[in-house]
Amino acid sequence: MRLATYEHAGSVGCGVVQGDGIHPFPDGTTVLDLVRSGLAAALEVGERARQTPPVPLDTVRLLPPLDPPTVRDFVAFEEHVEGVVASVGDGGGVVPQWYEAPTFYFTNPCALVGAHDDVAVPPGSELFDFELEVAAVVGRDAASPTPAEVQVFGYTVLNDWSARDLQRREMKVNLGPAKGKDSATTLGPWLVTADELEPFRDADGFLALDMRVSVNGEQVGQDLLSNMGWPFEELVAYAGRGTRVRAGDVLGSGTCGNGGCLAELWGRRGEQNPPPLRPGDVVEMTVEGIGTIRNTVVAGVDLPPVAPARPRPRRRVR
């Protein structure tokens, strides 16, 4: 089942996508409500919604499928790490620590954008980039769950827009990324329930979904989601290790390899080819079994430069 949140005639609604229409849920019902109710209950609500007249898809603006409590983004593709550290970090290769545990950072849940929304270049950035990912949505609250105890409610496409020049500066301070990843994250076009994608699961427990990204109609990258270093159940378990995960939490897979972002290609090729994103560029991502998101890059706000720190004299008395 595909669950969508949308804007239509000045109002926000949620419903089940079927064919070229969205069958609305009862007023006030959100996708997050359904996630928290559990997959079985959500599927029942969805079946009832299918009996209602649909809203044509071409008359709505698709919003992010849900309003998550948190958004974590992992770096679970070894091939991506190999290329991108040569571009954003210092040198190449994958550090031994990457293999020890799945690493993630928290990103901004207030910066989510819809499947076809415009995306502005962050202030001061000249090296704007995309990241092709799949995100899993946690299906129930859990404290320190084992992978076998994890419930994934569903999956959506995630584009982790990245200001590589801001990211590189921040990570020189051994902190971040922060403003390098803070401007926008696309989620969409809808949330596909986990049962729909089970036929793609391989013998090792990974979802073998085809992932593709193009810029201005030219394909830049293609990979399989099953090239992740850990399956999503392991990522969720690690996120909840010594703490809690909640139903509705969003966990990104991290960028896929083989051109899942421009920075990986820059690191491998030693040049900015393809070039950084510019206003007018159209980035389209398609993940098998889920759908397509398509965003146009636009000019951002023009802000003054950030003031540098003032060196302190280190006095200890007034």
C-alpha atoms as a PDB file:
ATOM      1  CA  MET A   1       0.000   0.000   0.000  1.00  0.00           C
ATOM      2  CA  ARG A   2       1.222   3.495  -0.851  1.00  0.00           C
ATOM      3  CA  LEU A   3       0.413   6.176   1.724  1.00  0.00           C
ATOM      4  CA  ALA A   4       0.679   9.846   0.759  1.00  0.00           C
ATOM      5  CA  THR A   5       0.343  13.251   2.355  1.00  0.00           C
ATOM      6  CA  TYR A   6      -0.751  15.998  -0.017  1.00  0.00           C
ATOM      7  CA  GLU A   7      -2.026  19.539  -0.377  1.00  0.00           C
ATOM      8  CA  HIS A   8      -5.233  20.031  -2.361  1.00  0.00           C
ATOM      9  CA  ALA A   9      -7.438  23.109  -2.686  1.00  0.00           C
ATOM     10  CA  GLY A  10      -5.691  24.799   0.225  1.00  0.00           C
ATOM     11  CA  SER A  11      -6.010  21.869   2.636  1.00  0.00           C
ATOM     12  CA  VAL A  12      -3.652  19.081   3.697  1.00  0.00           C
ATOM     13  CA  GLY A  13      -4.899  15.504   3.520  1.00  0.00           C
ATOM     14  CA  CYS A  14      -3.601  11.946   3.599  1.00  0.00           C
ATOM     15  CA  GLY A  15      -4.691   8.875   1.747  1.00  0.00           C
ATOM     16  CA  VAL A  16      -3.960   5.723  -0.206  1.00  0.00           C
ATOM     17  CA  VAL A  17      -2.488   6.075  -3.697  1.00  0.00           C
ATOM     18  CA  GLN A  18      -4.076   3.808  -6.263  1.00  0.00           C
ATOM     19  CA  GLY A  19      -3.615   4.329  -9.972  1.00  0.00           C
ATOM     20  CA  ASP A  20      -3.920   8.026 -10.791  1.00  0.00           C
ATOM     21  CA  GLY A  21      -5.734   9.003  -7.617  1.00  0.00           C
ATOM     22  CA  ILE A  22      -5.464   9.311  -3.845  1.00  0.00           C
ATOM     23  CA  HIS A  23      -8.288   7.908  -1.744  1.00  0.00           C
ATOM     24  CA  PRO A  24      -8.510  10.156   1.347  1.00  0.00           C
ATOM     25  CA  PHE A  25      -8.454   8.982   4.923  1.00  0.00           C
ATOM     26  CA  PRO A  26     -11.027  10.370   7.363  1.00  0.00           C
ATOM     27  CA  ASP A  27     -10.396  14.016   8.243  1.00  0.00           C
ATOM     28  CA  GLY A  28      -7.619  14.441  10.774  1.00  0.00           C
ATOM     29  CA  THR A  29      -5.987  11.052  10.152  1.00  0.00           C
ATOM     30  CA  THR A  30      -2.261  11.396   9.416  1.00  0.00           C
ATOM     31  CA  VAL A  31       0.222   8.905   8.042  1.00  0.00           C
ATOM     32  CA  LEU A  32       2.122   9.133  11.330  1.00  0.00           C
ATOM     33  CA  ASP A  33      -1.087   8.119  13.141  1.00  0.00           C
ATOM     34  CA  LEU A  34      -1.298   5.032  10.959  1.00  0.00           C
ATOM     35  CA  VAL A  35       2.365   4.161  11.483  1.00  0.00           C
ATOM     36  CA  ARG A  36       1.853   4.348  15.238  1.00  0.00           C
ATOM     37  CA  SER A  37      -1.241   2.143  15.002  1.00  0.00           C
ATOM     38  CA  GLY A  38       0.794  -0.683  13.452  1.00  0.00           C
ATOM     39  CA  LEU A  39       0.924  -2.129   9.966  1.00  0.00           C
ATOM     40  CA  ALA A  40      -2.090  -4.431  10.293  1.00  0.00           C
ATOM     41  CA  ALA A  41      -4.373  -1.669  11.540  1.00  0.00           C
ATOM     42  CA  ALA A  42      -3.037   0.759   8.934  1.00  0.00           C
ATOM     43  CA  LEU A  43      -3.781  -1.681   6.125  1.00  0.00           C
ATOM     44  CA  GLU A  44      -7.371  -1.997   7.375  1.00  0.00           C
ATOM     45  CA  VAL A  45      -7.819   1.776   7.347  1.00  0.00           C
ATOM     46  CA  GLY A  46      -6.306   1.887   3.884  1.00  0.00           C
ATOM     47  CA  GLU A  47      -8.710  -0.732   2.552  1.00  0.00           C
ATOM     48  CA  ARG A  48     -11.674   1.261   3.849  1.00  0.00           C
ATOM     49  CA  ALA A  49     -10.261   4.444   2.312  1.00  0.00           C
ATOM     50  CA  ARG A  50     -10.154   2.766  -1.093  1.00  0.00           C
ATOM     51  CA  GLN A  51     -13.949   2.806  -1.088  1.00  0.00           C
ATOM     52  CA  THR A  52     -13.974   6.623  -1.098  1.00  0.00           C
ATOM     53  CA  PRO A  53     -13.850   8.742  -4.284  1.00  0.00           C
ATOM     54  CA  PRO A  54     -10.219   9.525  -5.232  1.00  0.00           C
ATOM     55  CA  VAL A  55      -8.564  12.918  -5.572  1.00  0.00           C
ATOM     56  CA  PRO A  56      -6.707  13.036  -8.927  1.00  0.00           C
ATOM     57  CA  LEU A  57      -2.952  12.864  -8.394  1.00  0.00           C
ATOM     58  CA  ASP A  58      -2.314  15.539 -11.005  1.00  0.00           C
ATOM     59  CA  THR A  59      -4.309  18.065  -8.940  1.00  0.00           C
ATOM     60  CA  VAL A  60      -2.307  17.762  -5.704  1.00  0.00           C
ATOM     61  CA  ARG A  61       1.060  18.830  -4.363  1.00  0.00           C
ATOM     62  CA  LEU A  62       2.758  15.852  -2.753  1.00  0.00           C
ATOM     63  CA  LEU A  63       4.208  16.670   0.666  1.00  0.00           C
ATOM     64  CA  PRO A  64       6.674  14.530   2.616  1.00  0.00           C
ATOM     65  CA  PRO A  65       4.749  11.330   3.376  1.00  0.00           C
ATOM     66  CA  LEU A  66       4.866  11.830   7.140  1.00  0.00           C
ATOM     67  CA  ASP A  67       6.043  14.227   9.835  1.00  0.00           C
ATOM     68  CA  PRO A  68       8.681  12.083  11.608  1.00  0.00           C
ATOM     69  CA  PRO A  69       9.806  12.581  15.213  1.00  0.00           C
ATOM     70  CA  THR A  70      13.451  12.231  14.135  1.00  0.00           C
ATOM     71  CA  VAL A  71      15.498  11.720  10.980  1.00  0.00           C
ATOM     72  CA  ARG A  72      18.758   9.780  11.115  1.00  0.00           C
ATOM     73  CA  ASP A  73      20.970   9.315   8.070  1.00  0.00           C
ATOM     74  CA  PHE A  74      23.448   6.446   7.879  1.00  0.00           C
ATOM     75  CA  VAL A  75      26.455   5.877   5.631  1.00  0.00           C
ATOM     76  CA  ALA A  76      25.896   2.222   4.802  1.00  0.00           C
ATOM     77  CA  PHE A  77      27.369   1.889   1.290  1.00  0.00           C
ATOM     78  CA  GLU A  78      31.074   1.050   1.200  1.00  0.00           C
ATOM     79  CA  GLU A  79      31.458   2.142  -2.429  1.00  0.00           C
ATOM     80  CA  HIS A  80      30.080   5.598  -1.626  1.00  0.00           C
ATOM     81  CA  VAL A  81      32.553   6.009   1.217  1.00  0.00           C
ATOM     82  CA  GLU A  82      35.468   5.008  -1.010  1.00  0.00           C
ATOM     83  CA  GLY A  83      34.756   7.823  -3.423  1.00  0.00           C
ATOM     84  CA  VAL A  84      33.346  10.602  -1.313  1.00  0.00           C
ATOM     85  CA  VAL A  85      36.112  10.773   1.315  1.00  0.00           C
ATOM     86  CA  ALA A  86      38.551  11.656  -1.445  1.00  0.00           C
ATOM     87  CA  SER A  87      36.329  14.613  -2.340  1.00  0.00           C
ATOM     88  CA  VAL A  88      35.007  15.841   1.012  1.00  0.00           C
ATOM     89  CA  GLY A  89      37.505  14.316   3.450  1.00  0.00           C
ATOM     90  CA  ASP A  90      41.262  13.953   3.411  1.00  0.00           C
ATOM     91  CA  GLY A  91      42.542  11.192   1.177  1.00  0.00           C
ATOM     92  CA  GLY A  92      40.761   8.079  -0.010  1.00  0.00           C
ATOM     93  CA  GLY A  93      39.858   4.666   1.244  1.00  0.00           C
ATOM     94  CA  VAL A  94      37.486   3.377   3.878  1.00  0.00           C
ATOM     95  CA  VAL A  95      38.633   3.696   7.487  1.00  0.00           C
ATOM     96  CA  PRO A  96      38.590   0.439   9.504  1.00  0.00           C
ATOM     97  CA  GLN A  97      36.082   1.952  11.922  1.00  0.00           C
ATOM     98  CA  TRP A  98      33.419   2.059   9.180  1.00  0.00           C
ATOM     99  CA  TYR A  99      33.236  -1.735   9.214  1.00  0.00           C
ATOM    100  CA  GLU A 100      32.808  -1.941  12.991  1.00  0.00           C
ATOM    101  CA  ALA A 101      29.340  -0.375  13.289  1.00  0.00           C
ATOM    102  CA  PRO A 102      26.851   1.539  11.115  1.00  0.00           C
ATOM    103  CA  THR A 103      27.501   5.271  11.533  1.00  0.00           C
ATOM    104  CA  PHE A 104      24.756   7.912  11.349  1.00  0.00           C
ATOM    105  CA  TYR A 105      24.022  11.538  12.124  1.00  0.00           C
ATOM    106  CA  PHE A 106      20.795  13.304  13.043  1.00  0.00           C
ATOM    107  CA  THR A 107      19.482  15.635  10.362  1.00  0.00           C
ATOM    108  CA  ASN A 108      16.799  18.333  10.405  1.00  0.00           C
ATOM    109  CA  PRO A 109      13.188  17.043  10.422  1.00  0.00           C
ATOM    110  CA  CYS A 110      12.029  20.647   9.890  1.00  0.00           C
ATOM    111  CA  ALA A 111      13.781  20.809   6.497  1.00  0.00           C
ATOM    112  CA  LEU A 112      11.823  18.047   4.733  1.00  0.00           C
ATOM    113  CA  VAL A 113      10.460  18.851   1.266  1.00  0.00           C
ATOM    114  CA  GLY A 114       8.051  17.072  -1.044  1.00  0.00           C
ATOM    115  CA  ALA A 115       8.643  14.911  -4.087  1.00  0.00           C
ATOM    116  CA  HIS A 116       8.330  17.738  -6.630  1.00  0.00           C
ATOM    117  CA  ASP A 117       9.159  20.836  -4.567  1.00  0.00           C
ATOM    118  CA  ASP A 118      11.848  23.292  -5.635  1.00  0.00           C
ATOM    119  CA  VAL A 119      15.074  23.094  -3.613  1.00  0.00           C
ATOM    120  CA  ALA A 120      17.149  26.218  -2.956  1.00  0.00           C
ATOM    121  CA  VAL A 121      20.937  26.309  -2.968  1.00  0.00           C
ATOM    122  CA  PRO A 122      22.106  26.886   0.642  1.00  0.00           C
ATOM    123  CA  PRO A 123      23.501  30.364   1.348  1.00  0.00           C
ATOM    124  CA  GLY A 124      27.190  30.594   0.501  1.00  0.00           C
ATOM    125  CA  SER A 125      27.459  27.195  -1.184  1.00  0.00           C
ATOM    126  CA  GLU A 126      29.123  26.716  -4.568  1.00  0.00           C
ATOM    127  CA  LEU A 127      29.294  22.906  -4.408  1.00  0.00           C
ATOM    128  CA  PHE A 128      25.671  21.752  -4.171  1.00  0.00           C
ATOM    129  CA  ASP A 129      25.031  18.031  -4.504  1.00  0.00           C
ATOM    130  CA  PHE A 130      22.348  15.341  -4.236  1.00  0.00           C
ATOM    131  CA  GLU A 131      22.415  11.951  -2.481  1.00  0.00           C
ATOM    132  CA  LEU A 132      20.302   9.012  -3.679  1.00  0.00           C
ATOM    133  CA  GLU A 133      18.992   6.988  -0.743  1.00  0.00           C
ATOM    134  CA  VAL A 134      16.121   4.866   0.521  1.00  0.00           C
ATOM    135  CA  ALA A 135      14.651   5.584   3.950  1.00  0.00           C
ATOM    136  CA  ALA A 136      12.966   3.116   6.286  1.00  0.00           C
ATOM    137  CA  VAL A 137      10.241   4.193   8.702  1.00  0.00           C
ATOM    138  CA  VAL A 138      10.255   2.498  12.115  1.00  0.00           C
ATOM    139  CA  GLY A 139       7.046   0.599  12.837  1.00  0.00           C
ATOM    140  CA  ARG A 140       6.946   0.542  16.638  1.00  0.00           C
ATOM    141  CA  ASP A 141       8.598   2.000  19.723  1.00  0.00           C
ATOM    142  CA  ALA A 142      11.500  -0.051  21.023  1.00  0.00           C
ATOM    143  CA  ALA A 143      14.354   0.221  23.510  1.00  0.00           C
ATOM    144  CA  SER A 144      17.622  -1.490  22.576  1.00  0.00           C
ATOM    145  CA  PRO A 145      15.864  -3.870  20.169  1.00  0.00           C
ATOM    146  CA  THR A 146      17.620  -6.796  18.552  1.00  0.00           C
ATOM    147  CA  PRO A 147      17.442  -6.861  14.737  1.00  0.00           C
ATOM    148  CA  ALA A 148      14.849  -9.661  15.005  1.00  0.00           C
ATOM    149  CA  GLU A 149      12.648  -7.433  17.193  1.00  0.00           C
ATOM    150  CA  VAL A 150      12.742  -4.476  14.798  1.00  0.00           C
ATOM    151  CA  GLN A 151       9.591  -3.647  12.859  1.00  0.00           C
ATOM    152  CA  VAL A 152       9.914  -1.573   9.699  1.00  0.00           C
ATOM    153  CA  PHE A 153       6.588  -0.056   8.663  1.00  0.00           C
ATOM    154  CA  GLY A 154       7.583   1.046   5.187  1.00  0.00           C
ATOM    155  CA  TYR A 155      10.023   2.707   2.824  1.00  0.00           C
ATOM    156  CA  THR A 156      10.340   5.918   0.826  1.00  0.00           C
ATOM    157  CA  VAL A 157      12.892   7.608  -1.453  1.00  0.00           C
ATOM    158  CA  LEU A 158      15.252  10.082   0.252  1.00  0.00           C
ATOM    159  CA  ASN A 159      17.432  12.763  -1.336  1.00  0.00           C
ATOM    160  CA  ASP A 160      19.929  14.122   1.184  1.00  0.00           C
ATOM    161  CA  TRP A 161      20.811  17.466  -0.449  1.00  0.00           C
ATOM    162  CA  SER A 162      24.389  18.388   0.462  1.00  0.00           C
ATOM    163  CA  ALA A 163      26.464  21.562   0.392  1.00  0.00           C
ATOM    164  CA  ARG A 164      29.879  19.946  -0.014  1.00  0.00           C
ATOM    165  CA  ASP A 165      31.937  23.079   0.606  1.00  0.00           C
ATOM    166  CA  LEU A 166      30.127  23.810   3.879  1.00  0.00           C
ATOM    167  CA  GLN A 167      30.346  20.145   4.849  1.00  0.00           C
ATOM    168  CA  ARG A 168      34.098  19.993   4.227  1.00  0.00           C
ATOM    169  CA  ARG A 169      34.759  23.048   6.398  1.00  0.00           C
ATOM    170  CA  GLU A 170      32.607  21.756   9.259  1.00  0.00           C
ATOM    171  CA  MET A 171      34.168  18.315   9.292  1.00  0.00           C
ATOM    172  CA  LYS A 172      37.660  19.831   9.576  1.00  0.00           C
ATOM    173  CA  VAL A 173      36.538  20.719  13.111  1.00  0.00           C
ATOM    174  CA  ASN A 174      35.760  17.024  13.721  1.00  0.00           C
ATOM    175  CA  LEU A 175      32.067  17.764  14.077  1.00  0.00           C
ATOM    176  CA  GLY A 176      29.188  17.628  11.680  1.00  0.00           C
ATOM    177  CA  PRO A 177      27.904  17.500   9.074  1.00  0.00           C
ATOM    178  CA  ALA A 178      25.519  20.251  10.131  1.00  0.00           C
ATOM    179  CA  LYS A 179      24.815  23.226   7.840  1.00  0.00           C
ATOM    180  CA  GLY A 180      26.270  21.170   5.005  1.00  0.00           C
ATOM    181  CA  LYS A 181      23.173  18.945   5.290  1.00  0.00           C
ATOM    182  CA  ASP A 182      20.677  21.298   6.922  1.00  0.00           C
ATOM    183  CA  SER A 183      18.932  22.986   3.999  1.00  0.00           C
ATOM    184  CA  ALA A 184      16.647  20.311   2.544  1.00  0.00           C
ATOM    185  CA  THR A 185      15.869  16.594   2.524  1.00  0.00           C
ATOM    186  CA  THR A 186      13.369  15.253   0.019  1.00  0.00           C
ATOM    187  CA  LEU A 187      11.107  12.392   1.102  1.00  0.00           C
ATOM    188  CA  GLY A 188       8.623  10.817  -1.272  1.00  0.00           C
ATOM    189  CA  PRO A 189       6.738  10.406  -3.366  1.00  0.00           C
ATOM    190  CA  TRP A 190       4.859   8.314  -0.781  1.00  0.00           C
ATOM    191  CA  LEU A 191       5.436   5.709   1.916  1.00  0.00           C
ATOM    192  CA  VAL A 192       5.289   2.126   0.599  1.00  0.00           C
ATOM    193  CA  THR A 193       4.354  -0.394   3.280  1.00  0.00           C
ATOM    194  CA  ALA A 194       6.954  -3.059   3.990  1.00  0.00           C
ATOM    195  CA  ASP A 195       4.797  -5.950   2.797  1.00  0.00           C
ATOM    196  CA  GLU A 196       4.846  -4.538  -0.752  1.00  0.00           C
ATOM    197  CA  LEU A 197       8.633  -4.864  -0.982  1.00  0.00           C
ATOM    198  CA  GLU A 198       9.136  -8.299   0.567  1.00  0.00           C
ATOM    199  CA  PRO A 199       9.287  -9.946  -2.910  1.00  0.00           C
ATOM    200  CA  PHE A 200      12.543  -7.998  -3.493  1.00  0.00           C
ATOM    201  CA  ARG A 201      14.291  -9.432  -0.411  1.00  0.00           C
ATOM    202  CA  ASP A 202      17.317 -11.556  -1.321  1.00  0.00           C
ATOM    203  CA  ALA A 203      18.779 -14.629   0.375  1.00  0.00           C
ATOM    204  CA  ASP A 204      20.934 -12.449   2.646  1.00  0.00           C
ATOM    205  CA  GLY A 205      17.977 -10.422   3.924  1.00  0.00           C
ATOM    206  CA  PHE A 206      18.608  -7.279   1.848  1.00  0.00           C
ATOM    207  CA  LEU A 207      16.112  -5.536  -0.433  1.00  0.00           C
ATOM    208  CA  ALA A 208      17.491  -5.759  -3.990  1.00  0.00           C
ATOM    209  CA  LEU A 209      15.832  -2.589  -5.327  1.00  0.00           C
ATOM    210  CA  ASP A 210      17.173  -0.823  -8.411  1.00  0.00           C
ATOM    211  CA  MET A 211      18.099   2.824  -7.684  1.00  0.00           C
ATOM    212  CA  ARG A 212      18.740   5.459 -10.350  1.00  0.00           C
ATOM    213  CA  VAL A 213      19.416   9.196 -10.448  1.00  0.00           C
ATOM    214  CA  SER A 214      19.577  11.608 -13.375  1.00  0.00           C
ATOM    215  CA  VAL A 215      20.361  15.305 -13.766  1.00  0.00           C
ATOM    216  CA  ASN A 216      18.559  17.144 -16.559  1.00  0.00           C
ATOM    217  CA  GLY A 217      17.516  13.830 -18.071  1.00  0.00           C
ATOM    218  CA  GLU A 218      21.006  12.282 -18.141  1.00  0.00           C
ATOM    219  CA  GLN A 219      21.598   9.298 -15.866  1.00  0.00           C
ATOM    220  CA  VAL A 220      24.405   9.899 -13.379  1.00  0.00           C
ATOM    221  CA  GLY A 221      24.170   6.916 -11.041  1.00  0.00           C
ATOM    222  CA  GLN A 222      22.674   3.435 -10.630  1.00  0.00           C
ATOM    223  CA  ASP A 223      23.004   0.867  -7.870  1.00  0.00           C
ATOM    224  CA  LEU A 224      21.141  -1.832  -5.953  1.00  0.00           C
ATOM    225  CA  LEU A 225      19.922  -1.156  -2.429  1.00  0.00           C
ATOM    226  CA  SER A 226      21.184  -4.633  -1.525  1.00  0.00           C
ATOM    227  CA  ASN A 227      24.758  -3.302  -1.739  1.00  0.00           C
ATOM    228  CA  MET A 228      24.293  -1.832   1.749  1.00  0.00           C
ATOM    229  CA  GLY A 229      26.748  -3.037   4.373  1.00  0.00           C
ATOM    230  CA  TRP A 230      23.913  -3.769   6.812  1.00  0.00           C
ATOM    231  CA  PRO A 231      20.181  -4.422   6.277  1.00  0.00           C
ATOM    232  CA  PHE A 232      17.735  -1.883   7.678  1.00  0.00           C
ATOM    233  CA  GLU A 233      16.900  -4.079  10.658  1.00  0.00           C
ATOM    234  CA  GLU A 234      20.538  -3.805  11.772  1.00  0.00           C
ATOM    235  CA  LEU A 235      20.467  -0.018  11.279  1.00  0.00           C
ATOM    236  CA  VAL A 236      17.331   0.385  13.384  1.00  0.00           C
ATOM    237  CA  ALA A 237      18.742  -1.866  16.103  1.00  0.00           C
ATOM    238  CA  TYR A 238      21.928   0.202  16.214  1.00  0.00           C
ATOM    239  CA  ALA A 239      19.950   3.459  16.329  1.00  0.00           C
ATOM    240  CA  GLY A 240      18.070   2.116  19.353  1.00  0.00           C
ATOM    241  CA  ARG A 241      21.129   0.649  21.065  1.00  0.00           C
ATOM    242  CA  GLY A 242      21.206   1.973  24.648  1.00  0.00           C
ATOM    243  CA  THR A 243      18.286   4.300  23.896  1.00  0.00           C
ATOM    244  CA  ARG A 244      14.921   4.226  22.098  1.00  0.00           C
ATOM    245  CA  VAL A 245      13.539   4.397  18.598  1.00  0.00           C
ATOM    246  CA  ARG A 246       9.948   5.478  18.040  1.00  0.00           C
ATOM    247  CA  ALA A 247       7.296   4.587  15.517  1.00  0.00           C
ATOM    248  CA  GLY A 248       7.644   7.072  12.678  1.00  0.00           C
ATOM    249  CA  ASP A 249      11.393   7.642  13.042  1.00  0.00           C
ATOM    250  CA  VAL A 250      13.015   7.899   9.605  1.00  0.00           C
ATOM    251  CA  LEU A 251      16.364   6.198   8.934  1.00  0.00           C
ATOM    252  CA  GLY A 252      18.184   6.877   5.670  1.00  0.00           C
ATOM    253  CA  SER A 253      20.303   4.155   4.099  1.00  0.00           C
ATOM    254  CA  GLY A 254      23.050   6.556   3.195  1.00  0.00           C
ATOM    255  CA  THR A 255      24.042   7.303  -0.376  1.00  0.00           C
ATOM    256  CA  CYS A 256      24.294   4.384  -2.759  1.00  0.00           C
ATOM    257  CA  GLY A 257      27.442   3.770  -4.783  1.00  0.00           C
ATOM    258  CA  ASN A 258      28.191   4.041  -8.497  1.00  0.00           C
ATOM    259  CA  GLY A 259      27.259   7.699  -8.868  1.00  0.00           C
ATOM    260  CA  GLY A 260      24.722   8.039  -6.071  1.00  0.00           C
ATOM    261  CA  CYS A 261      26.075  11.560  -5.568  1.00  0.00           C
ATOM    262  CA  LEU A 262      28.358  13.936  -7.432  1.00  0.00           C
ATOM    263  CA  ALA A 263      30.993  14.049  -4.689  1.00  0.00           C
ATOM    264  CA  GLU A 264      31.697  10.328  -5.100  1.00  0.00           C
ATOM    265  CA  LEU A 265      32.402  10.884  -8.790  1.00  0.00           C
ATOM    266  CA  TRP A 266      34.520  13.971  -8.071  1.00  0.00           C
ATOM    267  CA  GLY A 267      36.637  11.934  -5.655  1.00  0.00           C
ATOM    268  CA  ARG A 268      37.153   9.098  -8.111  1.00  0.00           C
ATOM    269  CA  ARG A 269      37.833  11.310 -11.130  1.00  0.00           C
ATOM    270  CA  GLY A 270      39.873  14.022  -9.456  1.00  0.00           C
ATOM    271  CA  GLU A 271      37.743  16.737 -11.050  1.00  0.00           C
ATOM    272  CA  GLN A 272      34.282  18.230 -10.669  1.00  0.00           C
ATOM    273  CA  ASN A 273      32.718  16.233 -13.481  1.00  0.00           C
ATOM    274  CA  PRO A 274      29.716  16.341 -13.615  1.00  0.00           C
ATOM    275  CA  PRO A 275      29.677  19.908 -12.265  1.00  0.00           C
ATOM    276  CA  PRO A 276      27.984  20.994  -9.029  1.00  0.00           C
ATOM    277  CA  LEU A 277      24.247  21.617  -9.189  1.00  0.00           C
ATOM    278  CA  ARG A 278      23.103  25.044 -10.335  1.00  0.00           C
ATOM    279  CA  PRO A 279      19.702  26.795 -10.378  1.00  0.00           C
ATOM    280  CA  GLY A 280      17.595  25.271 -13.135  1.00  0.00           C
ATOM    281  CA  ASP A 281      19.002  21.751 -12.788  1.00  0.00           C
ATOM    282  CA  VAL A 282      16.393  19.006 -12.408  1.00  0.00           C
ATOM    283  CA  VAL A 283      17.330  16.018 -10.250  1.00  0.00           C
ATOM    284  CA  GLU A 284      15.202  12.894 -10.667  1.00  0.00           C
ATOM    285  CA  MET A 285      15.486   9.746  -8.555  1.00  0.00           C
ATOM    286  CA  THR A 286      13.653   6.469  -9.103  1.00  0.00           C
ATOM    287  CA  VAL A 287      13.695   3.463  -6.787  1.00  0.00           C
ATOM    288  CA  GLU A 288      12.147   0.223  -7.960  1.00  0.00           C
ATOM    289  CA  GLY A 289       8.967  -0.668  -6.090  1.00  0.00           C
ATOM    290  CA  ILE A 290       8.696   2.778  -4.490  1.00  0.00           C
ATOM    291  CA  GLY A 291       8.508   5.541  -7.107  1.00  0.00           C
ATOM    292  CA  THR A 292      10.079   8.712  -8.453  1.00  0.00           C
ATOM    293  CA  ILE A 293      10.915  12.091  -6.942  1.00  0.00           C
ATOM    294  CA  ARG A 294      11.863  15.059  -9.116  1.00  0.00           C
ATOM    295  CA  ASN A 295      13.120  18.386  -7.748  1.00  0.00           C
ATOM    296  CA  THR A 296      14.296  21.553  -9.481  1.00  0.00           C
ATOM    297  CA  VAL A 297      17.222  23.467  -7.994  1.00  0.00           C
ATOM    298  CA  VAL A 298      16.553  27.184  -7.542  1.00  0.00           C
ATOM    299  CA  ALA A 299      18.596  30.132  -6.294  1.00  0.00           C
ATOM    300  CA  GLY A 300      18.808  30.497  -2.541  1.00  0.00           C
ATOM    301  CA  VAL A 301      18.624  33.568  -0.348  1.00  0.00           C
ATOM    302  CA  ASP A 302      21.547  35.993  -0.548  1.00  0.00           C
ATOM    303  CA  LEU A 303      22.939  36.426   2.958  1.00  0.00           C
ATOM    304  CA  PRO A 304      26.057  38.225   4.219  1.00  0.00           C
ATOM    305  CA  PRO A 305      29.127  36.095   5.005  1.00  0.00           C
ATOM    306  CA  VAL A 306      29.325  34.389   8.382  1.00  0.00           C
ATOM    307  CA  ALA A 307      31.377  36.401  10.875  1.00  0.00           C
ATOM    308  CA  PRO A 308      34.625  34.674  11.897  1.00  0.00           C
ATOM    309  CA  ALA A 309      35.377  33.899  15.526  1.00  0.00           C
ATOM    310  CA  ARG A 310      37.058  36.588  17.623  1.00  0.00           C
ATOM    311  CA  PRO A 311      40.371  35.351  19.071  1.00  0.00           C
ATOM    312  CA  ARG A 312      40.115  35.517  22.839  1.00  0.00           C
ATOM    313  CA  PRO A 313      42.895  36.849  25.128  1.00  0.00           C
ATOM    314  CA  ARG A 314      42.170  34.011  27.642  1.00  0.00           C
ATOM    315  CA  ARG A 315      41.900  36.343  30.638  1.00  0.00           C
ATOM    316  CA  ARG A 316      40.618  34.619  33.775  1.00  0.00           C
ATOM    317  CA  VAL A 317      39.552  37.722  35.761  1.00  0.00           C
ATOM    318  CA  ARG A 318      37.457  40.756  34.764  1.00  0.00           C
END
